[in-house]
Amino acid sequence: MLPFLVLLVVYHTWPVLFGTYLAFTKYNVISPPEFVGLDNFRELAKDSQFWEGVRNSLRYLIVVPVIQLASIGVAMLVNRPLRGIAFFRTAYYVPVVTSFAVVGLIWGWMYQQTGPVNWVLTHLGLMKEPHSLLNNPSSALYAVMFVTLWKGIGYYMVLYLAGLQGIPRELEEAAVVDGASRWQVFWHITLVGLRPVILVCSLLSTISAVKVFEEIFVMTQGGPQGSTYTALFFSYAKAFQDFRFGYAAAAGLVIAVISLAFGVINFRLTRGGKADA
């Protein structure tokens, strides 16, 4: 286990400890870190840009229930023993392994004023006239959310598919013989059997939503007018644009605490539902 432990300490434990230390310092790479105590956190408390980023990150939590429900639905579809079902499983998983640089370029083109998304929305009557969805402050964040949803469904689908295949078929067959409807089988057997997987998937997606960065970096850079400026993008900008690494580390520490808090809440709610069942 020694090689793994060395890599864990070098690439995980040490960066976490050093980053936590930097949160209490003034550091710009050129000069040695200067301990400033809680000054960075006091400044963060008054920084409206940071709190706007936190609000946008919390809005991103809308993705969590949607992506979980969609992933369960897709997993149930591809769990059927149909001819060629392996192709559909692979097709749903392809976006997961596709680089976000490529995904961002493709969806950036699709969201353009003359792109296919605008064409579909206008022809369905959902939009009066075409406009670039990523350049509109009222739609940019939700457009990026949809890309996260599209790219992440396949990942959670695989986890739910493994959970579905671990539920004994005899339970479902016995319920059908006893006269249970499909909805009753899903609610009382399938969903209960998936609770451990739902806990893991909802926890992962909640933390990912609060810490969203890659989508924002590739597609919008926090614009337009700060409408997609998330908390983690704020930390990146302060570190690598303003070279205020101590201040950025403080922001990152606050984001980590917020993610941990939501993770604990998510875990307790899901675990409580399991206990009641």
C-alpha atoms as a PDB file:
ATOM      1  CA  MET A   1       0.000   0.000   0.000  1.00  0.00           C
ATOM      2  CA  LEU A   2       3.015   2.301   0.324  1.00  0.00           C
ATOM      3  CA  PRO A   3       3.002   3.681  -3.277  1.00  0.00           C
ATOM      4  CA  PHE A   4      -0.686   4.571  -2.985  1.00  0.00           C
ATOM      5  CA  LEU A   5      -0.195   6.196   0.435  1.00  0.00           C
ATOM      6  CA  VAL A   6       2.726   8.275  -0.882  1.00  0.00           C
ATOM      7  CA  LEU A   7       0.632   9.526  -3.814  1.00  0.00           C
ATOM      8  CA  LEU A   8      -2.288  10.251  -1.467  1.00  0.00           C
ATOM      9  CA  VAL A   9      -0.122  12.343   0.845  1.00  0.00           C
ATOM     10  CA  VAL A  10       1.674  14.200  -1.962  1.00  0.00           C
ATOM     11  CA  TYR A  11      -1.335  14.972  -4.159  1.00  0.00           C
ATOM     12  CA  HIS A  12      -4.160  15.163  -1.612  1.00  0.00           C
ATOM     13  CA  THR A  13      -3.251  15.465   2.051  1.00  0.00           C
ATOM     14  CA  TRP A  14      -0.378  17.946   1.660  1.00  0.00           C
ATOM     15  CA  PRO A  15      -2.257  20.282  -0.759  1.00  0.00           C
ATOM     16  CA  VAL A  16      -5.261  20.323   1.615  1.00  0.00           C
ATOM     17  CA  LEU A  17      -3.091  21.172   4.628  1.00  0.00           C
ATOM     18  CA  PHE A  18      -1.001  23.755   2.758  1.00  0.00           C
ATOM     19  CA  GLY A  19      -4.126  25.330   1.223  1.00  0.00           C
ATOM     20  CA  THR A  20      -5.714  25.587   4.657  1.00  0.00           C
ATOM     21  CA  TYR A  21      -2.580  27.309   5.948  1.00  0.00           C
ATOM     22  CA  LEU A  22      -2.563  29.723   2.982  1.00  0.00           C
ATOM     23  CA  ALA A  23      -6.147  30.755   3.831  1.00  0.00           C
ATOM     24  CA  PHE A  24      -4.730  32.570   6.862  1.00  0.00           C
ATOM     25  CA  THR A  25      -1.914  34.280   4.946  1.00  0.00           C
ATOM     26  CA  LYS A  26      -1.210  36.949   2.363  1.00  0.00           C
ATOM     27  CA  TYR A  27       0.603  35.208  -0.492  1.00  0.00           C
ATOM     28  CA  ASN A  28       1.363  36.176  -4.099  1.00  0.00           C
ATOM     29  CA  VAL A  29       3.962  33.481  -5.019  1.00  0.00           C
ATOM     30  CA  ILE A  30       6.775  36.064  -5.287  1.00  0.00           C
ATOM     31  CA  SER A  31       6.966  36.849  -1.567  1.00  0.00           C
ATOM     32  CA  PRO A  32       6.838  34.290   1.265  1.00  0.00           C
ATOM     33  CA  PRO A  33       3.421  33.769   2.891  1.00  0.00           C
ATOM     34  CA  GLU A  34       2.653  36.427   5.507  1.00  0.00           C
ATOM     35  CA  PHE A  35       0.324  35.341   8.306  1.00  0.00           C
ATOM     36  CA  VAL A  36      -2.686  37.684   8.549  1.00  0.00           C
ATOM     37  CA  GLY A  37      -5.020  35.653  10.756  1.00  0.00           C
ATOM     38  CA  LEU A  38      -8.707  36.032   9.881  1.00  0.00           C
ATOM     39  CA  ASP A  39      -8.260  39.096   7.625  1.00  0.00           C
ATOM     40  CA  ASN A  40      -9.046  37.124   4.459  1.00  0.00           C
ATOM     41  CA  PHE A  41     -12.286  35.818   5.930  1.00  0.00           C
ATOM     42  CA  ARG A  42     -13.310  39.284   7.139  1.00  0.00           C
ATOM     43  CA  GLU A  43     -12.770  40.597   3.618  1.00  0.00           C
ATOM     44  CA  LEU A  44     -14.741  37.692   2.162  1.00  0.00           C
ATOM     45  CA  ALA A  45     -17.664  38.490   4.456  1.00  0.00           C
ATOM     46  CA  LYS A  46     -17.889  41.948   2.821  1.00  0.00           C
ATOM     47  CA  ASP A  47     -17.109  40.829  -0.756  1.00  0.00           C
ATOM     48  CA  SER A  48     -20.375  41.047  -2.721  1.00  0.00           C
ATOM     49  CA  GLN A  49     -18.800  39.317  -5.745  1.00  0.00           C
ATOM     50  CA  PHE A  50     -17.965  36.252  -3.654  1.00  0.00           C
ATOM     51  CA  TRP A  51     -21.468  35.997  -2.203  1.00  0.00           C
ATOM     52  CA  GLU A  52     -22.987  36.404  -5.663  1.00  0.00           C
ATOM     53  CA  GLY A  53     -20.811  33.469  -6.699  1.00  0.00           C
ATOM     54  CA  VAL A  54     -22.086  31.480  -3.713  1.00  0.00           C
ATOM     55  CA  ARG A  55     -25.681  32.260  -4.703  1.00  0.00           C
ATOM     56  CA  ASN A  56     -25.044  31.096  -8.268  1.00  0.00           C
ATOM     57  CA  SER A  57     -23.426  27.906  -6.936  1.00  0.00           C
ATOM     58  CA  LEU A  58     -26.466  27.256  -4.742  1.00  0.00           C
ATOM     59  CA  ARG A  59     -28.766  27.857  -7.727  1.00  0.00           C
ATOM     60  CA  TYR A  60     -26.808  25.118  -9.462  1.00  0.00           C
ATOM     61  CA  LEU A  61     -28.279  22.662  -6.951  1.00  0.00           C
ATOM     62  CA  ILE A  62     -31.376  22.629  -9.183  1.00  0.00           C
ATOM     63  CA  VAL A  63     -29.426  20.119 -11.283  1.00  0.00           C
ATOM     64  CA  VAL A  64     -29.224  17.569  -8.438  1.00  0.00           C
ATOM     65  CA  PRO A  65     -32.818  16.225  -8.283  1.00  0.00           C
ATOM     66  CA  VAL A  66     -33.246  16.502 -12.055  1.00  0.00           C
ATOM     67  CA  ILE A  67     -30.108  14.528 -12.878  1.00  0.00           C
ATOM     68  CA  GLN A  68     -30.928  11.863 -10.285  1.00  0.00           C
ATOM     69  CA  LEU A  69     -34.467  11.314 -11.555  1.00  0.00           C
ATOM     70  CA  ALA A  70     -33.308  11.305 -15.178  1.00  0.00           C
ATOM     71  CA  SER A  71     -30.489   8.857 -14.410  1.00  0.00           C
ATOM     72  CA  ILE A  72     -32.840   6.452 -12.620  1.00  0.00           C
ATOM     73  CA  GLY A  73     -35.243   6.608 -15.572  1.00  0.00           C
ATOM     74  CA  VAL A  74     -32.496   5.943 -18.119  1.00  0.00           C
ATOM     75  CA  ALA A  75     -31.029   3.137 -15.975  1.00  0.00           C
ATOM     76  CA  MET A  76     -34.429   1.426 -15.854  1.00  0.00           C
ATOM     77  CA  LEU A  77     -34.741   1.725 -19.631  1.00  0.00           C
ATOM     78  CA  VAL A  78     -31.331   0.225 -20.410  1.00  0.00           C
ATOM     79  CA  ASN A  79     -31.769  -2.486 -17.764  1.00  0.00           C
ATOM     80  CA  ARG A  80     -34.199  -4.322 -20.016  1.00  0.00           C
ATOM     81  CA  PRO A  81     -32.898  -7.464 -21.787  1.00  0.00           C
ATOM     82  CA  LEU A  82     -33.433  -6.150 -25.323  1.00  0.00           C
ATOM     83  CA  ARG A  83     -31.386  -6.801 -28.439  1.00  0.00           C
ATOM     84  CA  GLY A  84     -28.761  -4.086 -28.984  1.00  0.00           C
ATOM     85  CA  ILE A  85     -29.206  -2.614 -25.489  1.00  0.00           C
ATOM     86  CA  ALA A  86     -25.408  -2.535 -25.015  1.00  0.00           C
ATOM     87  CA  PHE A  87     -25.231   0.073 -27.798  1.00  0.00           C
ATOM     88  CA  PHE A  88     -27.609   2.398 -25.953  1.00  0.00           C
ATOM     89  CA  ARG A  89     -25.723   1.947 -22.681  1.00  0.00           C
ATOM     90  CA  THR A  90     -22.535   2.947 -24.455  1.00  0.00           C
ATOM     91  CA  ALA A  91     -24.209   5.874 -26.225  1.00  0.00           C
ATOM     92  CA  TYR A  92     -25.499   7.313 -22.948  1.00  0.00           C
ATOM     93  CA  TYR A  93     -22.036   6.987 -21.400  1.00  0.00           C
ATOM     94  CA  VAL A  94     -20.065   8.609 -24.243  1.00  0.00           C
ATOM     95  CA  PRO A  95     -20.617  12.211 -22.962  1.00  0.00           C
ATOM     96  CA  VAL A  96     -19.080  11.229 -19.613  1.00  0.00           C
ATOM     97  CA  VAL A  97     -15.717  10.336 -21.160  1.00  0.00           C
ATOM     98  CA  THR A  98     -15.738  13.248 -23.613  1.00  0.00           C
ATOM     99  CA  SER A  99     -13.417  16.126 -22.740  1.00  0.00           C
ATOM    100  CA  PHE A 100     -15.251  19.194 -21.462  1.00  0.00           C
ATOM    101  CA  ALA A 101     -13.206  21.338 -23.828  1.00  0.00           C
ATOM    102  CA  VAL A 102     -14.868  19.492 -26.718  1.00  0.00           C
ATOM    103  CA  VAL A 103     -18.278  19.486 -25.020  1.00  0.00           C
ATOM    104  CA  GLY A 104     -18.034  23.229 -24.349  1.00  0.00           C
ATOM    105  CA  LEU A 105     -17.178  24.011 -27.967  1.00  0.00           C
ATOM    106  CA  ILE A 106     -20.023  21.860 -29.309  1.00  0.00           C
ATOM    107  CA  TRP A 107     -22.672  23.260 -26.970  1.00  0.00           C
ATOM    108  CA  GLY A 108     -21.330  26.797 -27.391  1.00  0.00           C
ATOM    109  CA  TRP A 109     -22.034  26.459 -31.122  1.00  0.00           C
ATOM    110  CA  MET A 110     -25.443  24.861 -30.494  1.00  0.00           C
ATOM    111  CA  TYR A 111     -26.447  27.719 -28.171  1.00  0.00           C
ATOM    112  CA  GLN A 112     -25.555  30.421 -30.716  1.00  0.00           C
ATOM    113  CA  GLN A 113     -28.300  32.624 -32.142  1.00  0.00           C
ATOM    114  CA  THR A 114     -28.213  30.669 -35.400  1.00  0.00           C
ATOM    115  CA  GLY A 115     -27.639  27.314 -33.699  1.00  0.00           C
ATOM    116  CA  PRO A 116     -29.947  24.279 -33.626  1.00  0.00           C
ATOM    117  CA  VAL A 117     -31.173  24.888 -30.043  1.00  0.00           C
ATOM    118  CA  ASN A 118     -32.605  28.280 -31.000  1.00  0.00           C
ATOM    119  CA  TRP A 119     -34.160  26.791 -34.123  1.00  0.00           C
ATOM    120  CA  VAL A 120     -35.937  24.076 -32.111  1.00  0.00           C
ATOM    121  CA  LEU A 121     -37.127  26.450 -29.366  1.00  0.00           C
ATOM    122  CA  THR A 122     -38.500  29.026 -31.794  1.00  0.00           C
ATOM    123  CA  HIS A 123     -40.272  26.409 -33.935  1.00  0.00           C
ATOM    124  CA  LEU A 124     -41.866  24.906 -30.831  1.00  0.00           C
ATOM    125  CA  GLY A 125     -43.077  28.348 -29.788  1.00  0.00           C
ATOM    126  CA  LEU A 126     -41.047  28.306 -26.564  1.00  0.00           C
ATOM    127  CA  MET A 127     -39.096  31.384 -27.647  1.00  0.00           C
ATOM    128  CA  LYS A 128     -40.349  34.365 -29.644  1.00  0.00           C
ATOM    129  CA  GLU A 129     -37.107  35.194 -31.407  1.00  0.00           C
ATOM    130  CA  PRO A 130     -33.648  33.534 -31.437  1.00  0.00           C
ATOM    131  CA  HIS A 131     -30.846  34.849 -29.242  1.00  0.00           C
ATOM    132  CA  SER A 132     -27.557  33.509 -27.949  1.00  0.00           C
ATOM    133  CA  LEU A 133     -28.465  31.656 -24.763  1.00  0.00           C
ATOM    134  CA  LEU A 134     -24.969  31.986 -23.306  1.00  0.00           C
ATOM    135  CA  ASN A 135     -24.920  35.760 -23.852  1.00  0.00           C
ATOM    136  CA  ASN A 136     -28.226  36.352 -22.091  1.00  0.00           C
ATOM    137  CA  PRO A 137     -27.889  36.889 -18.298  1.00  0.00           C
ATOM    138  CA  SER A 138     -31.324  35.387 -17.657  1.00  0.00           C
ATOM    139  CA  SER A 139     -30.619  32.120 -19.504  1.00  0.00           C
ATOM    140  CA  ALA A 140     -26.831  31.601 -19.376  1.00  0.00           C
ATOM    141  CA  LEU A 141     -26.680  29.769 -16.037  1.00  0.00           C
ATOM    142  CA  TYR A 142     -29.553  27.445 -16.940  1.00  0.00           C
ATOM    143  CA  ALA A 143     -27.990  26.736 -20.339  1.00  0.00           C
ATOM    144  CA  VAL A 144     -24.780  25.641 -18.611  1.00  0.00           C
ATOM    145  CA  MET A 145     -26.837  23.578 -16.132  1.00  0.00           C
ATOM    146  CA  PHE A 146     -28.374  21.666 -19.025  1.00  0.00           C
ATOM    147  CA  VAL A 147     -24.909  20.780 -20.340  1.00  0.00           C
ATOM    148  CA  THR A 148     -23.989  19.464 -16.883  1.00  0.00           C
ATOM    149  CA  LEU A 149     -27.194  17.422 -16.905  1.00  0.00           C
ATOM    150  CA  TRP A 150     -26.542  16.056 -20.400  1.00  0.00           C
ATOM    151  CA  LYS A 151     -22.934  15.121 -19.593  1.00  0.00           C
ATOM    152  CA  GLY A 152     -23.594  13.630 -16.168  1.00  0.00           C
ATOM    153  CA  ILE A 153     -26.612  11.392 -16.802  1.00  0.00           C
ATOM    154  CA  GLY A 154     -24.468   8.562 -18.161  1.00  0.00           C
ATOM    155  CA  TYR A 155     -22.194   8.505 -15.112  1.00  0.00           C
ATOM    156  CA  TYR A 156     -25.020   8.167 -12.605  1.00  0.00           C
ATOM    157  CA  MET A 157     -26.883   5.823 -14.981  1.00  0.00           C
ATOM    158  CA  VAL A 158     -24.054   3.275 -14.634  1.00  0.00           C
ATOM    159  CA  LEU A 159     -24.229   3.443 -10.825  1.00  0.00           C
ATOM    160  CA  TYR A 160     -28.014   3.075 -10.805  1.00  0.00           C
ATOM    161  CA  LEU A 161     -27.804   0.261 -13.344  1.00  0.00           C
ATOM    162  CA  ALA A 162     -25.488  -1.647 -11.003  1.00  0.00           C
ATOM    163  CA  GLY A 163     -27.959  -1.014  -8.179  1.00  0.00           C
ATOM    164  CA  LEU A 164     -30.904  -2.258 -10.242  1.00  0.00           C
ATOM    165  CA  GLN A 165     -29.093  -5.445 -11.177  1.00  0.00           C
ATOM    166  CA  GLY A 166     -28.420  -6.066  -7.486  1.00  0.00           C
ATOM    167  CA  ILE A 167     -32.141  -6.139  -6.640  1.00  0.00           C
ATOM    168  CA  PRO A 168     -33.415  -9.761  -6.615  1.00  0.00           C
ATOM    169  CA  ARG A 169     -35.877 -10.372  -9.444  1.00  0.00           C
ATOM    170  CA  GLU A 170     -37.827 -12.709  -7.160  1.00  0.00           C
ATOM    171  CA  LEU A 171     -39.029  -9.751  -5.085  1.00  0.00           C
ATOM    172  CA  GLU A 172     -40.529  -7.984  -8.099  1.00  0.00           C
ATOM    173  CA  GLU A 173     -42.056 -11.179  -9.467  1.00  0.00           C
ATOM    174  CA  ALA A 174     -43.609 -12.012  -6.085  1.00  0.00           C
ATOM    175  CA  ALA A 175     -45.081  -8.511  -5.846  1.00  0.00           C
ATOM    176  CA  VAL A 176     -46.608  -8.815  -9.333  1.00  0.00           C
ATOM    177  CA  VAL A 177     -48.098 -12.205  -8.441  1.00  0.00           C
ATOM    178  CA  ASP A 178     -49.636 -10.608  -5.332  1.00  0.00           C
ATOM    179  CA  GLY A 179     -51.325  -8.023  -7.550  1.00  0.00           C
ATOM    180  CA  ALA A 180     -49.001  -5.032  -7.172  1.00  0.00           C
ATOM    181  CA  SER A 181     -49.043  -2.458  -9.966  1.00  0.00           C
ATOM    182  CA  ARG A 182     -45.895  -1.293 -11.752  1.00  0.00           C
ATOM    183  CA  TRP A 183     -45.898   1.901  -9.717  1.00  0.00           C
ATOM    184  CA  GLN A 184     -46.209  -0.042  -6.452  1.00  0.00           C
ATOM    185  CA  VAL A 185     -43.342  -2.343  -7.488  1.00  0.00           C
ATOM    186  CA  PHE A 186     -41.186   0.686  -8.321  1.00  0.00           C
ATOM    187  CA  TRP A 187     -42.043   2.579  -5.128  1.00  0.00           C
ATOM    188  CA  HIS A 188     -41.885  -0.237  -2.585  1.00  0.00           C
ATOM    189  CA  ILE A 189     -39.204  -2.509  -4.079  1.00  0.00           C
ATOM    190  CA  THR A 190     -37.088  -0.808  -6.751  1.00  0.00           C
ATOM    191  CA  LEU A 191     -36.724   2.545  -5.023  1.00  0.00           C
ATOM    192  CA  VAL A 192     -36.099   0.971  -1.623  1.00  0.00           C
ATOM    193  CA  GLY A 193     -33.439  -1.298  -3.116  1.00  0.00           C
ATOM    194  CA  LEU A 194     -31.785   1.731  -4.742  1.00  0.00           C
ATOM    195  CA  ARG A 195     -31.615   3.832  -1.563  1.00  0.00           C
ATOM    196  CA  PRO A 196     -27.892   3.143  -0.884  1.00  0.00           C
ATOM    197  CA  VAL A 197     -27.054   4.100  -4.487  1.00  0.00           C
ATOM    198  CA  ILE A 198     -29.301   7.174  -4.283  1.00  0.00           C
ATOM    199  CA  LEU A 199     -27.373   8.253  -1.186  1.00  0.00           C
ATOM    200  CA  VAL A 200     -24.021   8.004  -2.968  1.00  0.00           C
ATOM    201  CA  CYS A 201     -25.206   9.601  -6.226  1.00  0.00           C
ATOM    202  CA  SER A 202     -27.080  12.481  -4.599  1.00  0.00           C
ATOM    203  CA  LEU A 203     -24.094  13.166  -2.335  1.00  0.00           C
ATOM    204  CA  LEU A 204     -21.675  13.234  -5.281  1.00  0.00           C
ATOM    205  CA  SER A 205     -23.923  15.417  -7.444  1.00  0.00           C
ATOM    206  CA  THR A 206     -24.615  17.864  -4.593  1.00  0.00           C
ATOM    207  CA  ILE A 207     -20.921  18.410  -3.910  1.00  0.00           C
ATOM    208  CA  SER A 208     -20.208  18.680  -7.659  1.00  0.00           C
ATOM    209  CA  ALA A 209     -22.962  21.277  -8.077  1.00  0.00           C
ATOM    210  CA  VAL A 210     -21.667  23.478  -5.253  1.00  0.00           C
ATOM    211  CA  LYS A 211     -18.102  23.183  -6.597  1.00  0.00           C
ATOM    212  CA  VAL A 212     -19.007  23.671 -10.275  1.00  0.00           C
ATOM    213  CA  PHE A 213     -16.099  25.178 -12.212  1.00  0.00           C
ATOM    214  CA  GLU A 214     -15.101  23.382 -15.417  1.00  0.00           C
ATOM    215  CA  GLU A 215     -18.338  24.159 -17.252  1.00  0.00           C
ATOM    216  CA  ILE A 216     -18.143  27.829 -16.312  1.00  0.00           C
ATOM    217  CA  PHE A 217     -14.463  28.110 -17.229  1.00  0.00           C
ATOM    218  CA  VAL A 218     -14.914  26.577 -20.678  1.00  0.00           C
ATOM    219  CA  MET A 219     -18.272  28.070 -21.699  1.00  0.00           C
ATOM    220  CA  THR A 220     -18.818  31.501 -20.097  1.00  0.00           C
ATOM    221  CA  GLN A 221     -15.846  32.599 -17.955  1.00  0.00           C
ATOM    222  CA  GLY A 222     -18.377  33.834 -15.403  1.00  0.00           C
ATOM    223  CA  GLY A 223     -20.306  36.060 -17.828  1.00  0.00           C
ATOM    224  CA  PRO A 224     -22.432  37.613 -19.064  1.00  0.00           C
ATOM    225  CA  GLN A 225     -22.620  40.329 -16.406  1.00  0.00           C
ATOM    226  CA  GLY A 226     -21.538  37.848 -13.725  1.00  0.00           C
ATOM    227  CA  SER A 227     -24.666  35.708 -14.159  1.00  0.00           C
ATOM    228  CA  THR A 228     -22.595  32.478 -14.183  1.00  0.00           C
ATOM    229  CA  TYR A 229     -19.897  33.637 -11.781  1.00  0.00           C
ATOM    230  CA  THR A 230     -19.750  30.775  -9.280  1.00  0.00           C
ATOM    231  CA  ALA A 231     -17.917  30.552  -5.950  1.00  0.00           C
ATOM    232  CA  LEU A 232     -15.175  28.245  -7.213  1.00  0.00           C
ATOM    233  CA  PHE A 233     -14.627  30.418 -10.298  1.00  0.00           C
ATOM    234  CA  PHE A 234     -14.196  33.358  -7.893  1.00  0.00           C
ATOM    235  CA  SER A 235     -11.460  31.402  -6.096  1.00  0.00           C
ATOM    236  CA  TYR A 236      -9.762  30.591  -9.421  1.00  0.00           C
ATOM    237  CA  ALA A 237      -9.923  34.219 -10.586  1.00  0.00           C
ATOM    238  CA  LYS A 238      -8.437  35.581  -7.362  1.00  0.00           C
ATOM    239  CA  ALA A 239      -5.592  33.042  -7.485  1.00  0.00           C
ATOM    240  CA  PHE A 240      -4.593  32.969 -11.149  1.00  0.00           C
ATOM    241  CA  GLN A 241      -5.759  36.386 -12.371  1.00  0.00           C
ATOM    242  CA  ASP A 242      -5.184  38.600  -9.327  1.00  0.00           C
ATOM    243  CA  PHE A 243      -2.414  36.416  -7.788  1.00  0.00           C
ATOM    244  CA  ARG A 244      -4.037  36.642  -4.348  1.00  0.00           C
ATOM    245  CA  PHE A 245      -3.463  33.026  -3.421  1.00  0.00           C
ATOM    246  CA  GLY A 246      -4.148  33.471   0.287  1.00  0.00           C
ATOM    247  CA  TYR A 247      -7.485  35.153  -0.388  1.00  0.00           C
ATOM    248  CA  ALA A 248      -8.358  32.484  -2.960  1.00  0.00           C
ATOM    249  CA  ALA A 249      -7.483  29.737  -0.475  1.00  0.00           C
ATOM    250  CA  ALA A 250      -9.788  31.347   2.092  1.00  0.00           C
ATOM    251  CA  ALA A 251     -12.614  31.346  -0.453  1.00  0.00           C
ATOM    252  CA  GLY A 252     -11.873  27.720  -1.270  1.00  0.00           C
ATOM    253  CA  LEU A 253     -12.013  26.809   2.417  1.00  0.00           C
ATOM    254  CA  VAL A 254     -15.425  28.447   2.785  1.00  0.00           C
ATOM    255  CA  ILE A 255     -16.659  26.571  -0.293  1.00  0.00           C
ATOM    256  CA  ALA A 256     -15.374  23.311   1.199  1.00  0.00           C
ATOM    257  CA  VAL A 257     -17.278  23.970   4.443  1.00  0.00           C
ATOM    258  CA  ILE A 258     -20.470  24.757   2.484  1.00  0.00           C
ATOM    259  CA  SER A 259     -20.045  21.543   0.452  1.00  0.00           C
ATOM    260  CA  LEU A 260     -19.483  19.553   3.628  1.00  0.00           C
ATOM    261  CA  ALA A 261     -22.609  21.044   5.221  1.00  0.00           C
ATOM    262  CA  PHE A 262     -24.773  20.139   2.229  1.00  0.00           C
ATOM    263  CA  GLY A 263     -23.202  16.688   2.142  1.00  0.00           C
ATOM    264  CA  VAL A 264     -24.106  16.074   5.788  1.00  0.00           C
ATOM    265  CA  ILE A 265     -27.681  17.320   5.243  1.00  0.00           C
ATOM    266  CA  ASN A 266     -28.026  15.162   2.144  1.00  0.00           C
ATOM    267  CA  PHE A 267     -26.658  12.113   3.948  1.00  0.00           C
ATOM    268  CA  ARG A 268     -28.955  12.522   6.941  1.00  0.00           C
ATOM    269  CA  LEU A 269     -32.066  13.033   4.815  1.00  0.00           C
ATOM    270  CA  THR A 270     -31.348  10.017   2.632  1.00  0.00           C
ATOM    271  CA  ARG A 271     -30.296   7.812   5.518  1.00  0.00           C
ATOM    272  CA  GLY A 272     -33.384   8.886   7.464  1.00  0.00           C
ATOM    273  CA  GLY A 273     -35.569   7.839   4.539  1.00  0.00           C
ATOM    274  CA  LYS A 274     -33.874   4.445   4.529  1.00  0.00           C
ATOM    275  CA  ALA A 275     -34.446   3.979   8.238  1.00  0.00           C
ATOM    276  CA  ASP A 276     -38.142   4.837   7.902  1.00  0.00           C
ATOM    277  CA  ALA A 277     -38.481   2.322   5.090  1.00  0.00           C
END
